[in-house]
Amino acid sequence: MARTWLRYPGATNALLLALVVVGGAAGGAEPRFPLSARDFNPALAATAPDLRPTYTLRGYSPADRFSSPEGIAIDSRNRILYIADTGKGRVVGFSLQGLPKFVLKPEGISTPRDLAVDDRGRLYVADKEAPTIVVMDAQGKTVRTLDLTGLGAAGAPRIRGLAVDHQGRLYVGDQAGAQVLICDPEGHELSRLGARGEQRGQLKMIEDVALDRVGRVYIVDSVGTPVNVFDPRGKFIFRFGRISPQEEDLRSPAALAIDRHDQIWVAEEEGHALQVYDGRGFRLRGFGGESAEATLTFLFPIALTLDEVGNLYVVEKGADQVQVFSLSNPFLPFRP
């Protein structure tokens, strides 16, 4: 028997739901709260998309809350949501509907932060304080441990950002060396992206790394130009954004994700906001922030991801929670 602790929009304490699941499902099927392709309403075809809160995860159970979560990844193959509960030194697995499944304590990882999942459903867990990545299968068994000591410009990568491509190559953001290390599945370095500096293709303070559906590499820089894009061969393409406290700029970019429309979602940790850009780097929408007009609130959003149908998952380190949103119309991109 397992329980999950979910808060739904508009619910009072009396409506806080504890879903009791026997044998992995309630009544033979898990409830589906995030929007899926089967929920598409043709009447919304002309409606501009907007975010709709669906549920919030605050812990594995009411008595077992998150402590400073900092990472997230989705296994689309096995439909598992992984959350790096960094303050408790563990990775927690949920169904995509928010039902708790298991808790992992990767051996050799004391402060799990960045997560990634490959096409075979293997989970990659990077340590926040050490140059170590543990690879686990979908059953939670350790497949291998990668020690990246000696790699990168600094010789001991400080991992900030982790991604895996369709060939199994690892993209490891090295904050200490201001580069992204590209490694084979065994952890051997193949090549690097970027170098420390201010010119095109150079970086200062890496916070996150992500890949889009065709293999382009997106790198978040919290000190230099916020978003830097390279092609699958490692050639610099373009960069965009500006660090400033203005609402249309980025105050402290911390993470990004790319959706089905190749739109780029950027989390602003200290700005308490999300920004959405098109594939050319033009700003489309903003959510949250500190203005009185903000209809959504975030507290130090530090990581985010999207699933295959466009549901958005936002990790809030300051609130010790993960908010989940669906798009009112996931089949349309945002418009300027």
Protein backbone atom coordinates (compact mmCIF):
# COMPACT_ATOMS: atom_id res chain seq x y z
CA MET A 1 0.00 0.00 0.00
CA ALA A 2 1.33 3.45 -0.89
CA ARG A 3 0.11 6.95 -0.28
CA THR A 4 0.84 10.23 -1.99
CA TRP A 5 0.28 13.75 -0.78
CA LEU A 6 -1.21 16.05 -3.38
CA ARG A 7 -2.58 19.56 -3.17
CA TYR A 8 -5.04 20.56 -5.87
CA PRO A 9 -5.78 24.15 -6.90
CA GLY A 10 -8.47 25.73 -4.75
CA ALA A 11 -8.45 22.91 -2.20
CA THR A 12 -8.75 23.68 1.49
CA ASN A 13 -7.10 21.61 4.19
CA ALA A 14 -10.25 19.55 4.35
CA LEU A 15 -9.81 18.69 0.69
CA LEU A 16 -6.17 17.64 0.91
CA LEU A 17 -6.24 14.29 -0.81
CA ALA A 18 -4.40 11.18 0.27
CA LEU A 19 -4.84 8.66 -2.52
CA VAL A 20 -4.62 5.10 -1.24
CA VAL A 21 -3.34 2.75 -3.89
CA VAL A 22 -3.40 -1.02 -3.55
CA GLY A 23 -1.32 -3.00 -6.03
CA GLY A 24 -0.21 0.19 -7.79
CA ALA A 25 -3.65 1.49 -8.79
CA ALA A 26 -6.90 2.64 -7.25
CA GLY A 27 -9.92 0.86 -8.66
CA GLY A 28 -7.72 -0.78 -11.30
CA ALA A 29 -6.44 2.42 -12.92
CA GLU A 30 -4.37 5.42 -11.86
CA PRO A 31 -6.13 8.80 -12.04
CA ARG A 32 -4.88 11.02 -14.83
CA PHE A 33 -4.54 14.60 -13.68
CA PRO A 34 -2.05 16.23 -16.11
CA LEU A 35 -3.42 16.92 -19.57
CA SER A 36 -2.74 14.23 -22.15
CA ALA A 37 -3.28 14.04 -25.89
CA ARG A 38 -6.59 12.25 -25.28
CA ASP A 39 -7.90 15.29 -23.40
CA PHE A 40 -7.67 17.54 -26.46
CA ASN A 41 -10.82 19.57 -27.01
CA PRO A 42 -11.16 20.80 -30.63
CA ALA A 43 -13.14 23.78 -29.33
CA LEU A 44 -9.89 25.12 -27.86
CA ALA A 45 -8.12 25.12 -31.21
CA ALA A 46 -8.32 28.91 -31.53
CA THR A 47 -7.49 29.58 -27.88
CA ALA A 48 -4.04 30.81 -26.91
CA PRO A 49 -2.31 28.33 -24.58
CA ASP A 50 -1.95 29.11 -20.90
CA LEU A 51 -0.68 27.26 -17.84
CA ARG A 52 -3.19 25.45 -15.63
CA PRO A 53 -2.07 24.16 -12.21
CA THR A 54 -2.92 20.48 -11.78
CA TYR A 55 -1.22 19.25 -8.62
CA THR A 56 1.65 19.93 -6.24
CA LEU A 57 4.04 17.41 -4.69
CA ARG A 58 5.44 18.35 -1.29
CA GLY A 59 6.92 15.02 -0.30
CA TYR A 60 6.72 11.27 -0.50
CA SER A 61 3.99 11.41 2.16
CA PRO A 62 2.61 14.02 4.59
CA ALA A 63 5.15 12.86 7.17
CA ASP A 64 8.06 12.63 4.70
CA ARG A 65 8.47 16.01 3.03
CA PHE A 66 11.08 17.14 0.52
CA SER A 67 14.12 19.08 1.72
CA SER A 68 15.63 21.48 -0.82
CA PRO A 69 14.82 19.51 -3.99
CA GLU A 70 17.05 20.59 -6.90
CA GLY A 71 16.67 18.17 -9.80
CA ILE A 72 14.04 16.48 -11.95
CA ALA A 73 13.79 14.10 -14.91
CA ILE A 74 11.11 12.03 -16.63
CA ASP A 75 11.37 8.48 -17.91
CA SER A 76 8.81 8.57 -20.73
CA ARG A 77 9.30 4.89 -21.49
CA ASN A 78 8.33 3.70 -18.02
CA ARG A 79 6.29 6.81 -17.11
CA ILE A 80 8.28 7.66 -14.01
CA LEU A 81 8.90 11.12 -12.57
CA TYR A 82 12.23 11.36 -10.74
CA ILE A 83 12.87 14.13 -8.20
CA ALA A 84 16.28 14.79 -6.65
CA ASP A 85 15.48 15.41 -2.99
CA THR A 86 18.91 16.93 -2.49
CA GLY A 87 18.62 17.90 1.17
CA LYS A 88 17.78 14.30 2.11
CA GLY A 89 20.38 12.71 -0.18
CA ARG A 90 17.90 10.68 -2.18
CA VAL A 91 15.96 10.39 -5.44
CA VAL A 92 12.21 9.89 -5.19
CA GLY A 93 10.17 8.20 -7.92
CA PHE A 94 6.53 9.00 -8.69
CA SER A 95 4.08 8.11 -11.43
CA LEU A 96 3.33 10.96 -13.81
CA GLN A 97 0.03 11.33 -11.93
CA GLY A 98 1.92 12.01 -8.70
CA LEU A 99 1.57 8.65 -7.01
CA PRO A 100 4.65 7.58 -5.00
CA LYS A 101 6.53 4.54 -6.29
CA PHE A 102 9.94 4.24 -4.58
CA VAL A 103 12.88 5.99 -2.93
CA LEU A 104 16.44 5.54 -4.22
CA LYS A 105 19.68 6.12 -2.33
CA PRO A 106 22.37 5.91 -5.06
CA GLU A 107 25.55 4.46 -3.61
CA GLY A 108 28.39 6.97 -3.76
CA ILE A 109 26.07 9.98 -4.13
CA SER A 110 25.61 12.08 -1.00
CA THR A 111 23.97 15.17 -2.54
CA PRO A 112 22.04 14.20 -5.70
CA ARG A 113 21.19 17.16 -7.90
CA ASP A 114 21.18 16.82 -11.69
CA LEU A 115 19.22 13.94 -13.23
CA ALA A 116 18.84 12.56 -16.75
CA VAL A 117 17.19 9.52 -18.34
CA ASP A 118 18.34 7.79 -21.54
CA ASP A 119 16.27 6.05 -24.21
CA ARG A 120 16.57 2.71 -22.39
CA GLY A 121 15.06 4.12 -19.21
CA ARG A 122 18.34 4.26 -17.28
CA LEU A 123 18.63 7.02 -14.70
CA TYR A 124 21.78 9.16 -14.38
CA VAL A 125 22.30 10.83 -11.00
CA ALA A 126 25.02 13.46 -10.57
CA ASP A 127 26.44 14.56 -7.24
CA LYS A 128 26.27 18.26 -6.42
CA GLU A 129 29.55 18.25 -4.50
CA ALA A 130 31.63 15.58 -6.28
CA PRO A 131 32.54 14.72 -9.92
CA THR A 132 30.51 11.51 -9.75
CA ILE A 133 27.58 10.15 -11.77
CA VAL A 134 25.75 6.94 -10.88
CA VAL A 135 23.79 5.10 -13.59
CA MET A 136 20.79 3.04 -12.46
CA ASP A 137 18.28 0.87 -14.32
CA ALA A 138 14.51 1.27 -14.05
CA GLN A 139 14.46 -1.17 -11.12
CA GLY A 140 16.87 1.01 -9.14
CA LYS A 141 19.90 -1.28 -9.55
CA THR A 142 23.27 0.41 -10.08
CA VAL A 143 24.60 -0.25 -13.58
CA ARG A 144 27.85 1.70 -13.26
CA THR A 145 29.51 4.57 -11.43
CA LEU A 146 31.34 7.23 -13.44
CA ASP A 147 34.22 9.10 -11.77
CA LEU A 148 34.95 12.22 -13.82
CA THR A 149 37.99 13.26 -11.80
CA GLY A 150 40.69 14.50 -14.15
CA LEU A 151 38.30 15.63 -16.87
CA GLY A 152 37.67 19.20 -17.96
CA ALA A 153 39.72 22.37 -17.77
CA ALA A 154 39.74 22.38 -13.96
CA GLY A 155 40.48 18.66 -13.56
CA ALA A 156 37.52 18.08 -11.22
CA PRO A 157 34.20 19.02 -12.82
CA ARG A 158 31.59 20.76 -10.68
CA ILE A 159 28.52 19.27 -12.32
CA ARG A 160 25.72 21.68 -13.15
CA GLY A 161 23.48 20.27 -15.85
CA LEU A 162 23.23 16.76 -17.26
CA ALA A 163 21.73 15.37 -20.48
CA VAL A 164 21.93 12.18 -22.55
CA ASP A 165 21.48 11.98 -26.33
CA HIS A 166 20.03 9.14 -28.42
CA GLN A 167 23.49 7.60 -28.87
CA GLY A 168 24.01 7.43 -25.11
CA ARG A 169 26.55 10.26 -25.01
CA LEU A 170 26.59 12.32 -21.82
CA TYR A 171 26.57 16.12 -21.80
CA VAL A 172 27.94 17.29 -18.46
CA GLY A 173 27.92 20.96 -17.51
CA ASP A 174 31.22 21.76 -15.76
CA GLN A 175 30.76 24.96 -13.81
CA ALA A 176 34.36 24.96 -12.60
CA GLY A 177 35.78 24.79 -16.12
CA ALA A 178 33.03 26.82 -17.87
CA GLN A 179 32.61 24.05 -20.44
CA VAL A 180 30.26 21.22 -21.31
CA LEU A 181 32.00 17.85 -21.36
CA ILE A 182 30.76 15.29 -23.87
CA CYS A 183 31.49 11.76 -22.66
CA ASP A 184 30.81 8.23 -23.88
CA PRO A 185 28.59 5.92 -21.77
CA GLU A 186 31.67 4.77 -19.82
CA GLY A 187 32.55 8.34 -18.80
CA HIS A 188 35.48 8.84 -21.20
CA GLU A 189 35.76 12.37 -22.55
CA LEU A 190 35.02 12.74 -26.26
CA SER A 191 34.99 16.50 -26.72
CA ARG A 192 34.09 19.81 -25.08
CA LEU A 193 31.80 22.74 -25.81
CA GLY A 194 32.73 26.29 -24.93
CA ALA A 195 35.51 27.84 -22.90
CA ARG A 196 35.71 30.55 -20.27
CA GLY A 197 35.25 34.03 -21.71
CA GLU A 198 32.82 36.58 -23.07
CA GLN A 199 33.00 35.95 -26.81
CA ARG A 200 30.49 33.99 -28.87
CA GLY A 201 30.58 30.35 -27.87
CA GLN A 202 32.29 31.16 -24.56
CA LEU A 203 30.77 30.75 -21.10
CA LYS A 204 31.17 32.01 -17.55
CA MET A 205 28.93 30.22 -15.05
CA ILE A 206 27.09 27.12 -16.30
CA GLU A 207 23.87 26.26 -14.48
CA ASP A 208 22.15 23.74 -16.77
CA VAL A 209 22.39 21.79 -20.03
CA ALA A 210 19.53 20.49 -22.20
CA LEU A 211 19.06 18.90 -25.63
CA ASP A 212 16.22 19.39 -28.07
CA ARG A 213 14.67 16.74 -30.29
CA VAL A 214 17.29 17.14 -33.06
CA GLY A 215 20.30 17.19 -30.73
CA ARG A 216 21.00 20.90 -30.40
CA VAL A 217 22.67 21.72 -27.09
CA TYR A 218 21.33 24.53 -24.88
CA ILE A 219 23.49 25.87 -22.05
CA VAL A 220 22.32 28.18 -19.25
CA ASP A 221 24.87 30.78 -18.08
CA SER A 222 23.95 32.79 -14.98
CA VAL A 223 26.72 35.39 -15.38
CA GLY A 224 27.34 35.73 -19.13
CA THR A 225 24.74 35.61 -21.91
CA PRO A 226 21.93 33.49 -20.38
CA VAL A 227 21.24 30.96 -23.18
CA ASN A 228 23.87 29.58 -25.56
CA VAL A 229 23.00 27.16 -28.36
CA PHE A 230 25.30 24.71 -30.20
CA ASP A 231 24.46 22.35 -33.06
CA PRO A 232 24.78 18.54 -32.68
CA ARG A 233 28.34 18.67 -34.07
CA GLY A 234 29.39 21.16 -31.39
CA LYS A 235 29.38 24.28 -33.57
CA PHE A 236 28.16 27.44 -31.86
CA ILE A 237 24.91 28.72 -33.41
CA PHE A 238 23.69 31.70 -31.38
CA ARG A 239 23.05 33.06 -27.91
CA PHE A 240 20.36 35.26 -26.42
CA GLY A 241 19.09 37.00 -23.32
CA ARG A 242 20.43 39.55 -20.89
CA ILE A 243 21.08 39.48 -17.16
CA SER A 244 19.15 42.31 -15.51
CA PRO A 245 16.33 42.84 -12.99
CA GLN A 246 13.96 44.06 -15.72
CA GLU A 247 10.85 41.93 -16.18
CA GLU A 248 11.63 41.18 -19.82
CA ASP A 249 15.18 40.07 -18.97
CA LEU A 250 16.58 37.27 -16.81
CA ARG A 251 17.70 38.01 -13.28
CA SER A 252 19.19 34.64 -12.35
CA PRO A 253 18.66 31.90 -14.98
CA ALA A 254 18.97 28.48 -13.36
CA ALA A 255 17.54 25.86 -15.73
CA LEU A 256 15.83 25.35 -19.06
CA ALA A 257 13.73 22.86 -21.00
CA ILE A 258 12.55 22.67 -24.61
CA ASP A 259 8.97 21.76 -25.48
CA ARG A 260 7.35 20.04 -28.48
CA HIS A 261 7.20 23.38 -30.35
CA ASP A 262 10.93 24.02 -29.80
CA GLN A 263 10.02 26.77 -27.36
CA ILE A 264 12.59 27.37 -24.64
CA TRP A 265 11.43 27.54 -21.02
CA VAL A 266 13.86 29.21 -18.61
CA ALA A 267 13.54 29.16 -14.81
CA GLU A 268 14.68 32.29 -12.97
CA GLU A 269 15.69 31.18 -9.50
CA GLU A 270 15.98 34.56 -7.77
CA GLY A 271 13.40 36.17 -10.05
CA HIS A 272 10.83 33.55 -8.95
CA ALA A 273 9.59 33.30 -12.53
CA LEU A 274 9.51 31.32 -15.76
CA GLN A 275 10.19 32.86 -19.17
CA VAL A 276 9.27 31.34 -22.54
CA TYR A 277 11.20 32.05 -25.76
CA ASP A 278 10.75 30.89 -29.32
CA GLY A 279 13.45 28.95 -31.16
CA ARG A 280 15.12 32.18 -32.26
CA GLY A 281 15.37 33.57 -28.73
CA PHE A 282 12.47 36.03 -28.83
CA ARG A 283 10.54 36.30 -25.57
CA LEU A 284 6.95 35.08 -25.82
CA ARG A 285 5.55 34.86 -22.29
CA GLY A 286 6.44 35.17 -18.65
CA PHE A 287 4.89 33.43 -15.63
CA GLY A 288 5.29 34.28 -11.96
CA GLY A 289 7.69 36.97 -10.81
CA GLU A 290 7.30 39.61 -8.17
CA SER A 291 4.81 41.92 -9.87
CA ALA A 292 1.34 42.41 -8.42
CA GLU A 293 -0.14 41.18 -11.72
CA ALA A 294 1.46 37.73 -11.48
CA THR A 295 -1.21 35.03 -11.35
CA LEU A 296 1.21 32.16 -10.66
CA THR A 297 3.75 32.10 -7.87
CA PHE A 298 7.11 30.35 -7.63
CA LEU A 299 9.70 30.39 -4.87
CA PHE A 300 13.23 29.88 -6.14
CA PRO A 301 12.43 27.63 -9.12
CA ILE A 302 15.65 25.75 -9.76
CA ALA A 303 14.76 22.98 -12.21
CA LEU A 304 12.04 22.15 -14.70
CA THR A 305 11.09 19.60 -17.33
CA LEU A 306 8.24 18.80 -19.72
CA ASP A 307 6.72 15.46 -20.60
CA GLU A 308 5.83 14.22 -24.07
CA VAL A 309 2.35 15.76 -24.04
CA GLY A 310 3.48 19.17 -22.78
CA ASN A 311 2.82 18.98 -19.03
CA LEU A 312 5.28 21.19 -17.14
CA TYR A 313 7.01 20.18 -13.88
CA VAL A 314 8.71 22.92 -11.83
CA VAL A 315 11.00 22.25 -8.86
CA GLU A 316 10.88 25.01 -6.25
CA LYS A 317 13.85 24.78 -3.92
CA GLY A 318 12.56 27.59 -1.69
CA ALA A 319 9.14 26.02 -1.20
CA ASP A 320 10.34 22.40 -0.98
CA GLN A 321 7.85 21.35 -3.62
CA VAL A 322 7.21 20.48 -7.26
CA GLN A 323 4.35 22.19 -9.06
CA VAL A 324 2.80 20.46 -12.07
CA PHE A 325 0.97 22.34 -14.82
CA SER A 326 -0.86 21.44 -17.99
CA LEU A 327 -1.30 23.73 -20.96
CA SER A 328 -4.84 24.81 -21.76
CA ASN A 329 -3.98 24.07 -25.39
CA PRO A 330 -0.78 22.01 -25.74
CA PHE A 331 -1.20 21.73 -29.50
CA LEU A 332 -0.51 25.41 -30.17
CA PRO A 333 2.71 27.33 -29.52
CA PHE A 334 2.73 30.67 -27.75
CA ARG A 335 2.57 33.74 -29.96
CA PRO A 336 4.49 37.02 -29.60
